[in-house]
Amino acid sequence: MPALNLKSDFADADDLDTQMAAIGRRARAAARQMALASAQTKDIALRAIAERIRVGSAEILRANARDVAAAKAASQSAALIDRLTLDEKRIAAIADAVEKIGALADPVGRQLAAFERPNGLLIERIAVPLGVIGVIFESRPNVTADAGALCLKAGNAAILRAGSDSHRSAMAIARAMSEGLVEAGLPADAIQIVPTRDRAAVGAMLTGLGGAIDVIVPRGGRSLVERVQAEAKVPVFAHLDGICHVYVAAAADLGMARTVLLNSKMRRTGICGAAETLLVDRACADTHLAPLVTALLDAGCAVRGDEAVRAVDPRVTSATDEDWRTEYLDAIISARVVEGLDAAIQHIEANGSHHTDAIITEDQAEATRFLAEVDSAIVTHNASTQFADGGEFGFGAEIGIATGRMHARGPVGVEQLTTFKYRVHGNGQTRP
């Protein structure tokens, strides 16, 4: 059984920087091999990893039990403990997710464009792996498998840094993944996990490890993402907040608006695609506002509103300026009446986070303007904001949602974990 990439130079290193530099060198060497791996070999590896996770479930559960006991002893929240806890069903789901990633189409080697120049040169744009991807995550141990598998499928190497709460569980899952890689003839160092809880390891990764890391993906709370975005010396795929809006326009069908709004807010209140603000056009407020606010309140959602919204129901409390820029991740929503489409777009631009925003309307011209002018990674027309998910986009899985404007935007799946290069074919052409 191969070791989990904890070779003697890690154990005997004088300091953390030396250890991290060694991890980076290994990852860069593995990335060169992964870039050349065939689609079949990668898929064999992913199936082997899934099987190793299933076979190693008892070991993973033992490690997880220690993590959970430590979290309880530290009086961590019930929500964190739930995210941290594994059982047989959850481990089976982790293994199944890895297999599903293996069943996706290979994103590497795709011809993205091809054209011929007047001088006879044939130029192709071809998808290639990004290289080495650093993933920094917190309490969910399943991210170990999800992130590692996505990176592998796209021909990359991954350096994973788990949160201290899930460290033992993540190490056990990563061990199973290394075994699956070796079984398939791929380098074990293609998926490495940082073998220390020392938070200085995060800082080392953010420097890029001397050019070893090509991109960083943070998976966790606001404080983690803020730190990564502020300190990273390499590109970052992430979103800081999911302040998502539902705008009910004048031409909205009330029944549809109610259904989409309740799903956007209440299906799962703690995900980044949950709606946090309701905007209602004054032109339909007399007919639409009260039913929508009442539906939210009756569903158990607290509503914080402007004067017009407070007039609808005494249960509505007053919204502050801070509410318009708050990601509640809870059964709370802010609501206001706006003076038409321009005002709705202006509010979203001033207060949103460029994540996911929706318009409900039967007016195609208004919908077209909203989709064109709202500068968010995902914009929807007559559809829930909770479709902001890689699986719902048909990507199979995602490593996160990105709201930046460079390279990947929206759900980051296997295709977004590639870049491209140009192949130029000639027959002796020279440049005059």
Protein backbone atom coordinates (compact mmCIF):
# COMPACT_ATOMS: atom_id res chain seq x y z
CA MET A 1 0.00 0.00 0.00
CA PRO A 2 1.63 3.31 -1.03
CA ALA A 3 2.25 5.98 1.56
CA LEU A 4 0.36 9.24 1.46
CA ASN A 5 3.13 11.32 -0.08
CA LEU A 6 4.77 11.81 3.31
CA LYS A 7 8.31 11.03 2.25
CA SER A 8 11.33 11.52 4.45
CA ASP A 9 12.17 15.00 3.20
CA PHE A 10 8.80 16.18 4.52
CA ALA A 11 9.27 14.54 7.89
CA ASP A 12 12.85 15.74 8.31
CA ALA A 13 12.37 19.24 6.87
CA ASP A 14 13.81 22.07 8.93
CA ASP A 15 10.81 24.32 8.40
CA LEU A 16 7.40 24.54 6.82
CA ASP A 17 8.63 26.46 3.78
CA THR A 18 10.96 23.59 2.90
CA GLN A 19 8.12 21.08 3.23
CA MET A 20 5.77 23.15 1.11
CA ALA A 21 8.39 23.74 -1.57
CA ALA A 22 8.88 19.97 -1.79
CA ILE A 23 5.13 19.46 -2.21
CA GLY A 24 5.16 22.05 -4.99
CA ARG A 25 8.05 20.39 -6.83
CA ARG A 26 6.33 17.02 -6.65
CA ALA A 27 3.07 18.50 -7.92
CA ARG A 28 4.76 20.22 -10.86
CA ALA A 29 6.49 16.97 -11.87
CA ALA A 30 3.20 15.07 -11.54
CA ALA A 31 1.35 17.71 -13.57
CA ARG A 32 3.66 17.12 -16.53
CA GLN A 33 2.76 13.43 -16.47
CA MET A 34 -0.94 14.10 -15.96
CA ALA A 35 -1.06 16.41 -18.98
CA LEU A 36 -0.04 13.46 -21.15
CA ALA A 37 -2.35 10.88 -19.54
CA SER A 38 -4.98 9.43 -21.84
CA ALA A 39 -8.68 9.85 -21.16
CA GLN A 40 -8.95 6.11 -20.58
CA THR A 41 -6.14 6.10 -18.00
CA LYS A 42 -7.67 8.99 -16.07
CA ASP A 43 -11.07 7.29 -16.02
CA ILE A 44 -9.53 4.02 -14.84
CA ALA A 45 -7.84 5.96 -12.04
CA LEU A 46 -11.11 7.59 -11.00
CA ARG A 47 -12.88 4.24 -10.88
CA ALA A 48 -9.99 2.82 -8.84
CA ILE A 49 -10.16 5.78 -6.47
CA ALA A 50 -13.90 5.29 -5.98
CA GLU A 51 -13.34 1.64 -5.16
CA ARG A 52 -10.49 2.45 -2.76
CA ILE A 53 -12.75 4.90 -0.94
CA ARG A 54 -15.42 2.21 -0.59
CA VAL A 55 -12.93 -0.42 0.57
CA GLY A 56 -11.31 2.05 2.97
CA SER A 57 -14.58 3.28 4.47
CA ALA A 58 -13.86 1.79 7.91
CA GLU A 59 -10.52 3.60 8.10
CA ILE A 60 -12.09 6.84 6.87
CA LEU A 61 -14.86 6.55 9.45
CA ARG A 62 -12.35 5.98 12.26
CA ALA A 63 -10.46 9.09 11.26
CA ASN A 64 -13.69 11.05 10.95
CA ALA A 65 -14.86 9.93 14.39
CA ARG A 66 -11.72 11.52 15.86
CA ASP A 67 -12.38 14.75 13.96
CA VAL A 68 -16.00 14.84 15.15
CA ALA A 69 -15.00 14.12 18.77
CA ALA A 70 -12.46 16.94 18.66
CA ALA A 71 -15.04 19.33 17.17
CA LYS A 72 -17.55 18.49 19.90
CA ALA A 73 -14.89 18.90 22.59
CA ALA A 74 -14.13 22.33 21.15
CA SER A 75 -17.86 23.22 21.33
CA GLN A 76 -18.11 23.76 17.58
CA SER A 77 -21.54 24.58 16.17
CA ALA A 78 -24.06 21.90 15.29
CA ALA A 79 -23.96 23.07 11.66
CA LEU A 80 -20.18 22.62 11.45
CA ILE A 81 -20.37 19.19 13.07
CA ASP A 82 -23.03 18.14 10.58
CA ARG A 83 -20.85 19.28 7.64
CA LEU A 84 -17.92 17.42 9.16
CA THR A 85 -19.64 14.12 10.00
CA LEU A 86 -19.37 11.12 7.68
CA ASP A 87 -21.30 7.87 7.73
CA GLU A 88 -21.53 4.89 5.40
CA LYS A 89 -24.14 6.63 3.24
CA ARG A 90 -22.06 9.78 2.86
CA ILE A 91 -18.92 7.83 2.03
CA ALA A 92 -20.84 5.89 -0.61
CA ALA A 93 -22.02 9.21 -2.04
CA ILE A 94 -18.41 10.46 -2.14
CA ALA A 95 -17.32 7.38 -4.07
CA ASP A 96 -20.29 7.65 -6.44
CA ALA A 97 -19.45 11.30 -7.13
CA VAL A 98 -15.89 10.35 -8.10
CA GLU A 99 -17.22 7.72 -10.52
CA LYS A 100 -19.59 10.25 -12.07
CA ILE A 101 -16.68 12.60 -12.71
CA GLY A 102 -14.92 9.74 -14.46
CA ALA A 103 -17.95 9.30 -16.72
CA LEU A 104 -17.77 12.90 -17.98
CA ALA A 105 -16.35 13.70 -21.39
CA ASP A 106 -12.62 14.33 -21.35
CA PRO A 107 -12.10 18.12 -21.40
CA VAL A 108 -8.48 17.89 -22.53
CA GLY A 109 -7.58 17.94 -26.22
CA ARG A 110 -10.87 19.52 -27.37
CA GLN A 111 -10.56 21.65 -30.47
CA LEU A 112 -12.04 24.96 -29.39
CA ALA A 113 -11.49 26.73 -32.73
CA ALA A 114 -9.76 26.18 -36.06
CA PHE A 115 -9.09 28.61 -38.89
CA GLU A 116 -6.85 29.10 -41.90
CA ARG A 117 -4.84 32.26 -42.54
CA PRO A 118 -4.39 33.78 -46.03
CA ASN A 119 -0.77 32.55 -46.04
CA GLY A 120 -1.92 28.95 -45.67
CA LEU A 121 -1.21 28.53 -41.94
CA LEU A 122 -3.72 26.28 -40.18
CA ILE A 123 -4.28 27.37 -36.57
CA GLU A 124 -6.07 25.35 -33.89
CA ARG A 125 -7.05 26.38 -30.36
CA ILE A 126 -6.81 23.26 -28.18
CA ALA A 127 -7.88 22.72 -24.53
CA VAL A 128 -5.00 21.78 -22.23
CA PRO A 129 -4.75 21.34 -18.43
CA LEU A 130 -4.12 24.36 -16.21
CA GLY A 131 -1.26 22.59 -14.42
CA VAL A 132 -1.18 22.60 -10.61
CA ILE A 133 -4.31 23.65 -8.72
CA GLY A 134 -4.22 24.52 -5.04
CA VAL A 135 -7.48 23.92 -3.18
CA ILE A 136 -7.91 25.33 0.32
CA PHE A 137 -11.05 24.16 2.12
CA GLU A 138 -12.55 24.00 5.57
CA SER A 139 -14.82 21.52 7.29
CA ARG A 140 -16.34 19.37 4.52
CA PRO A 141 -14.14 16.27 4.10
CA ASN A 142 -15.93 15.30 0.85
CA VAL A 143 -14.21 18.27 -0.85
CA THR A 144 -11.01 16.21 -0.70
CA ALA A 145 -12.43 13.70 -3.15
CA ASP A 146 -14.49 16.15 -5.21
CA ALA A 147 -11.65 18.58 -5.79
CA GLY A 148 -9.01 15.92 -6.35
CA ALA A 149 -11.20 14.04 -8.83
CA LEU A 150 -12.12 17.16 -10.82
CA CYS A 151 -8.49 18.23 -11.06
CA LEU A 152 -7.46 14.72 -12.13
CA LYS A 153 -10.16 14.51 -14.82
CA ALA A 154 -8.90 17.76 -16.32
CA GLY A 155 -5.33 16.46 -16.40
CA ASN A 156 -4.07 18.60 -13.52
CA ALA A 157 -2.19 17.94 -10.31
CA ALA A 158 -3.81 19.10 -7.05
CA ILE A 159 -2.41 20.34 -3.76
CA LEU A 160 -5.16 20.13 -1.14
CA ARG A 161 -5.13 21.90 2.20
CA ALA A 162 -7.91 20.77 4.53
CA GLY A 163 -9.18 22.74 7.49
CA SER A 164 -7.97 21.70 10.93
CA ASP A 165 -11.46 20.39 11.79
CA SER A 166 -11.47 17.85 8.93
CA HIS A 167 -7.74 17.13 8.77
CA ARG A 168 -7.81 13.46 9.82
CA SER A 169 -10.78 12.64 7.58
CA ALA A 170 -9.22 14.41 4.59
CA MET A 171 -5.92 12.59 5.11
CA ALA A 172 -7.69 9.21 5.08
CA ILE A 173 -9.63 10.06 1.90
CA ALA A 174 -6.48 11.38 0.23
CA ARG A 175 -4.67 8.15 1.11
CA ALA A 176 -7.33 6.18 -0.75
CA MET A 177 -6.99 8.52 -3.72
CA SER A 178 -3.21 8.08 -3.85
CA GLU A 179 -3.68 4.31 -3.84
CA GLY A 180 -6.12 4.55 -6.75
CA LEU A 181 -3.69 6.71 -8.75
CA VAL A 182 -0.86 4.25 -8.27
CA GLU A 183 -3.12 1.33 -9.18
CA ALA A 184 -3.88 3.05 -12.51
CA GLY A 185 -0.22 3.79 -13.19
CA LEU A 186 -0.44 7.52 -12.53
CA PRO A 187 1.79 9.46 -10.11
CA ALA A 188 0.61 9.43 -6.50
CA ASP A 189 1.80 13.04 -6.25
CA ALA A 190 -0.94 14.13 -8.66
CA ILE A 191 -3.17 14.51 -5.59
CA GLN A 192 -1.30 15.65 -2.49
CA ILE A 193 -2.67 16.85 0.80
CA VAL A 194 -0.72 19.22 3.02
CA PRO A 195 0.22 17.04 6.03
CA THR A 196 0.01 19.77 8.68
CA ARG A 197 -2.61 21.84 10.46
CA ASP A 198 -0.24 24.80 10.60
CA ARG A 199 -2.08 27.79 9.12
CA ALA A 200 1.18 29.09 7.75
CA ALA A 201 0.80 26.39 5.07
CA VAL A 202 -2.08 28.43 3.61
CA GLY A 203 0.19 31.46 3.36
CA ALA A 204 2.84 29.39 1.62
CA MET A 205 0.30 28.15 -0.94
CA LEU A 206 -0.88 31.71 -1.61
CA THR A 207 2.63 32.67 -2.66
CA GLY A 208 2.40 30.05 -5.42
CA LEU A 209 5.21 27.89 -3.99
CA GLY A 210 7.84 29.38 -6.23
CA GLY A 211 5.76 29.12 -9.38
CA ALA A 212 4.53 25.58 -8.71
CA ILE A 213 0.85 26.54 -8.25
CA ASP A 214 -1.05 27.95 -11.24
CA VAL A 215 -4.39 28.77 -9.59
CA ILE A 216 -5.93 28.72 -6.10
CA VAL A 217 -9.50 27.67 -5.29
CA PRO A 218 -10.79 28.47 -1.77
CA ARG A 219 -13.81 26.50 -0.49
CA GLY A 220 -15.08 27.87 2.78
CA GLY A 221 -16.42 30.84 4.67
CA ARG A 222 -16.03 34.53 4.07
CA SER A 223 -12.89 34.94 6.19
CA LEU A 224 -11.03 32.26 4.23
CA VAL A 225 -12.06 33.62 0.84
CA GLU A 226 -11.24 37.21 1.88
CA ARG A 227 -7.77 36.15 2.94
CA VAL A 228 -7.13 34.19 -0.23
CA GLN A 229 -8.31 37.01 -2.49
CA ALA A 230 -6.26 39.58 -0.56
CA GLU A 231 -3.00 37.63 -0.31
CA ALA A 232 -2.81 35.28 -3.30
CA LYS A 233 0.04 35.90 -5.74
CA VAL A 234 -1.59 33.59 -8.31
CA PRO A 235 -5.05 33.68 -9.94
CA VAL A 236 -8.03 32.75 -7.75
CA PHE A 237 -11.30 31.04 -8.72
CA ALA A 238 -13.80 32.00 -6.02
CA HIS A 239 -16.72 34.10 -4.90
CA LEU A 240 -16.77 36.14 -1.73
CA ASP A 241 -20.54 36.46 -1.23
CA GLY A 242 -23.67 35.12 -2.84
CA ILE A 243 -25.92 38.16 -2.61
CA CYS A 244 -28.49 36.97 -5.14
CA HIS A 245 -31.56 38.94 -6.22
CA VAL A 246 -35.01 38.07 -7.55
CA TYR A 247 -36.53 40.99 -9.47
CA VAL A 248 -40.28 40.71 -10.05
CA ALA A 249 -40.98 42.97 -13.02
CA ALA A 250 -44.26 44.62 -13.99
CA ALA A 251 -45.12 41.87 -16.47
CA ALA A 252 -44.44 39.00 -14.08
CA ASP A 253 -46.96 36.18 -13.76
CA LEU A 254 -47.82 36.21 -10.05
CA GLY A 255 -48.08 32.43 -9.70
CA MET A 256 -44.72 31.92 -11.36
CA ALA A 257 -43.16 34.72 -9.32
CA ARG A 258 -44.36 33.15 -6.07
CA THR A 259 -43.08 29.69 -7.01
CA VAL A 260 -39.69 30.86 -8.26
CA LEU A 261 -39.17 33.23 -5.33
CA LEU A 262 -39.94 30.59 -2.70
CA ASN A 263 -37.64 28.10 -4.37
CA SER A 264 -34.87 30.69 -4.77
CA LYS A 265 -35.02 31.59 -1.08
CA MET A 266 -36.29 28.57 0.83
CA ARG A 267 -35.23 25.39 -1.01
CA ARG A 268 -31.87 25.55 0.78
CA THR A 269 -31.21 28.79 2.60
CA GLY A 270 -27.54 28.07 3.33
CA ILE A 271 -26.17 27.76 -0.20
CA CYS A 272 -24.50 30.54 -2.17
CA GLY A 273 -27.26 30.52 -4.82
CA ALA A 274 -30.03 31.27 -2.33
CA ALA A 275 -31.83 34.57 -2.97
CA GLU A 276 -31.11 37.23 -0.36
CA THR A 277 -33.04 40.21 -1.79
CA LEU A 278 -36.46 40.58 -3.41
CA LEU A 279 -37.05 43.56 -5.71
CA VAL A 280 -40.60 44.32 -6.87
CA ASP A 281 -41.47 46.81 -9.61
CA ARG A 282 -43.75 49.53 -8.29
CA ALA A 283 -45.91 49.05 -11.40
CA CYS A 284 -47.07 45.65 -10.09
CA ALA A 285 -46.67 46.23 -6.36
CA ASP A 286 -50.42 46.69 -5.78
CA THR A 287 -51.15 43.17 -7.06
CA HIS A 288 -47.88 41.27 -6.46
CA LEU A 289 -46.14 42.62 -3.36
CA ALA A 290 -48.54 41.47 -0.64
CA PRO A 291 -48.93 37.88 -1.96
CA LEU A 292 -45.16 37.49 -2.36
CA VAL A 293 -44.31 38.86 1.08
CA THR A 294 -47.07 36.82 2.72
CA ALA A 295 -45.85 33.65 1.00
CA LEU A 296 -42.34 34.22 2.35
CA LEU A 297 -43.57 34.92 5.88
CA ASP A 298 -45.89 31.93 5.87
CA ALA A 299 -42.99 29.73 4.71
CA GLY A 300 -41.03 30.75 7.81
CA CYS A 301 -38.84 33.39 6.20
CA ALA A 302 -38.21 36.64 8.07
CA VAL A 303 -38.65 39.68 5.83
CA ARG A 304 -36.78 42.96 6.28
CA GLY A 305 -38.27 45.65 4.08
CA ASP A 306 -38.51 49.27 3.05
CA GLU A 307 -41.55 51.37 3.92
CA ALA A 308 -43.70 49.93 1.13
CA VAL A 309 -42.92 46.35 2.15
CA ARG A 310 -43.49 47.04 5.84
CA ALA A 311 -46.94 48.37 5.01
CA VAL A 312 -47.93 44.96 3.66
CA ASP A 313 -47.65 42.98 6.90
CA PRO A 314 -46.83 43.90 10.51
CA ARG A 315 -44.44 40.95 10.70
CA VAL A 316 -42.02 42.72 8.32
CA THR A 317 -39.19 44.49 10.10
CA SER A 318 -37.23 47.50 8.88
CA ALA A 319 -34.35 46.93 6.46
CA THR A 320 -31.10 48.84 7.02
CA ASP A 321 -28.51 49.82 4.42
CA GLU A 322 -26.45 46.86 5.59
CA ASP A 323 -29.27 44.42 4.80
CA TRP A 324 -29.02 45.14 1.06
CA ARG A 325 -25.41 43.90 1.15
CA THR A 326 -25.86 40.94 3.50
CA GLU A 327 -25.60 37.27 2.60
CA TYR A 328 -27.88 35.80 5.27
CA LEU A 329 -27.48 32.08 4.45
CA ASP A 330 -30.61 31.72 6.57
CA ALA A 331 -34.39 32.09 6.33
CA ILE A 332 -34.15 35.88 6.09
CA ILE A 333 -34.66 38.09 3.04
CA SER A 334 -34.52 41.83 2.40
CA ALA A 335 -37.21 43.32 0.15
CA ARG A 336 -37.92 46.64 -1.50
CA VAL A 337 -40.03 48.27 -4.18
CA VAL A 338 -38.10 49.78 -7.11
CA GLU A 339 -39.07 52.16 -9.88
CA GLY A 340 -38.74 49.80 -12.81
CA LEU A 341 -36.00 47.90 -14.58
CA ASP A 342 -33.36 50.62 -14.52
CA ALA A 343 -33.70 51.01 -10.77
CA ALA A 344 -33.54 47.23 -10.26
CA ILE A 345 -30.33 46.97 -12.30
CA GLN A 346 -28.87 49.94 -10.43
CA HIS A 347 -29.68 48.33 -7.06
CA ILE A 348 -28.10 45.03 -8.09
CA GLU A 349 -24.97 46.75 -9.37
CA ALA A 350 -24.62 48.79 -6.17
CA ASN A 351 -25.32 46.00 -3.69
CA GLY A 352 -24.87 42.63 -5.40
CA SER A 353 -21.89 40.31 -5.53
CA HIS A 354 -21.96 39.37 -9.24
CA HIS A 355 -23.05 35.83 -8.37
CA THR A 356 -26.61 34.99 -9.54
CA ASP A 357 -29.58 37.25 -10.22
CA ALA A 358 -33.04 36.52 -11.63
CA ILE A 359 -35.81 38.41 -13.39
CA ILE A 360 -39.41 37.20 -13.42
CA THR A 361 -41.32 38.67 -16.37
CA GLU A 362 -43.35 37.81 -19.44
CA ASP A 363 -41.89 40.85 -21.24
CA GLN A 364 -39.15 39.47 -23.50
CA ALA A 365 -37.63 42.89 -24.14
CA GLU A 366 -37.19 43.52 -20.41
CA ALA A 367 -35.77 40.06 -19.91
CA THR A 368 -33.27 40.61 -22.72
CA ARG A 369 -32.11 43.87 -21.17
CA PHE A 370 -31.77 42.32 -17.71
CA LEU A 371 -29.75 39.36 -19.02
CA ALA A 372 -27.48 41.70 -21.00
CA GLU A 373 -26.99 44.46 -18.44
CA VAL A 374 -26.76 42.68 -15.09
CA ASP A 375 -23.06 41.95 -14.68
CA SER A 376 -23.27 38.68 -12.78
CA ALA A 377 -21.69 35.31 -13.43
CA ILE A 378 -25.18 33.79 -13.76
CA VAL A 379 -28.40 35.57 -14.77
CA THR A 380 -31.73 33.78 -15.06
CA HIS A 381 -35.10 34.56 -16.64
CA ASN A 382 -38.14 32.95 -15.03
CA ALA A 383 -35.96 30.42 -13.22
CA SER A 384 -34.74 29.95 -9.65
CA THR A 385 -31.40 31.34 -8.53
CA GLN A 386 -30.73 27.92 -6.96
CA PHE A 387 -29.84 26.55 -10.39
CA ALA A 388 -26.41 28.10 -9.73
CA ASP A 389 -24.83 24.68 -9.45
CA GLY A 390 -22.45 22.69 -11.63
CA GLY A 391 -24.64 19.61 -11.58
CA GLU A 392 -27.67 21.61 -12.71
CA PHE A 393 -25.63 23.06 -15.58
CA GLY A 394 -24.78 19.55 -16.76
CA PHE A 395 -21.15 19.89 -15.69
CA GLY A 396 -21.44 16.80 -13.47
CA ALA A 397 -19.71 18.47 -10.56
CA GLU A 398 -18.03 21.71 -9.64
CA ILE A 399 -15.11 22.86 -7.56
CA GLY A 400 -16.92 26.11 -6.75
CA ILE A 401 -18.59 29.20 -8.21
CA ALA A 402 -16.35 31.95 -9.60
CA THR A 403 -17.51 35.56 -9.86
CA GLY A 404 -14.32 37.06 -11.28
CA ARG A 405 -14.07 38.16 -14.88
CA MET A 406 -10.96 36.27 -15.93
CA HIS A 407 -11.01 32.73 -17.36
CA ALA A 408 -13.59 30.72 -15.36
CA ARG A 409 -16.89 32.34 -14.36
CA GLY A 410 -19.91 30.68 -12.78
CA PRO A 411 -19.71 26.96 -11.90
CA VAL A 412 -16.11 25.75 -12.17
CA GLY A 413 -16.25 22.21 -13.55
CA VAL A 414 -13.78 20.11 -15.48
CA GLU A 415 -13.89 22.29 -18.61
CA GLN A 416 -13.13 25.39 -16.55
CA LEU A 417 -10.09 23.60 -15.06
CA THR A 418 -8.44 23.72 -18.48
CA THR A 419 -6.87 26.52 -20.47
CA PHE A 420 -5.81 26.42 -24.12
CA LYS A 421 -2.87 26.70 -26.45
CA TYR A 422 -2.55 27.29 -30.17
CA ARG A 423 -1.23 24.71 -32.60
CA VAL A 424 0.03 26.26 -35.81
CA HIS A 425 0.51 24.01 -38.87
CA GLY A 426 2.54 25.23 -41.80
CA ASN A 427 4.36 23.98 -44.89
CA GLY A 428 7.44 26.18 -44.79
CA GLN A 429 5.88 29.63 -44.31
CA THR A 430 8.12 32.41 -43.04
CA ARG A 431 7.15 35.92 -41.96
CA PRO A 432 8.21 38.70 -44.37
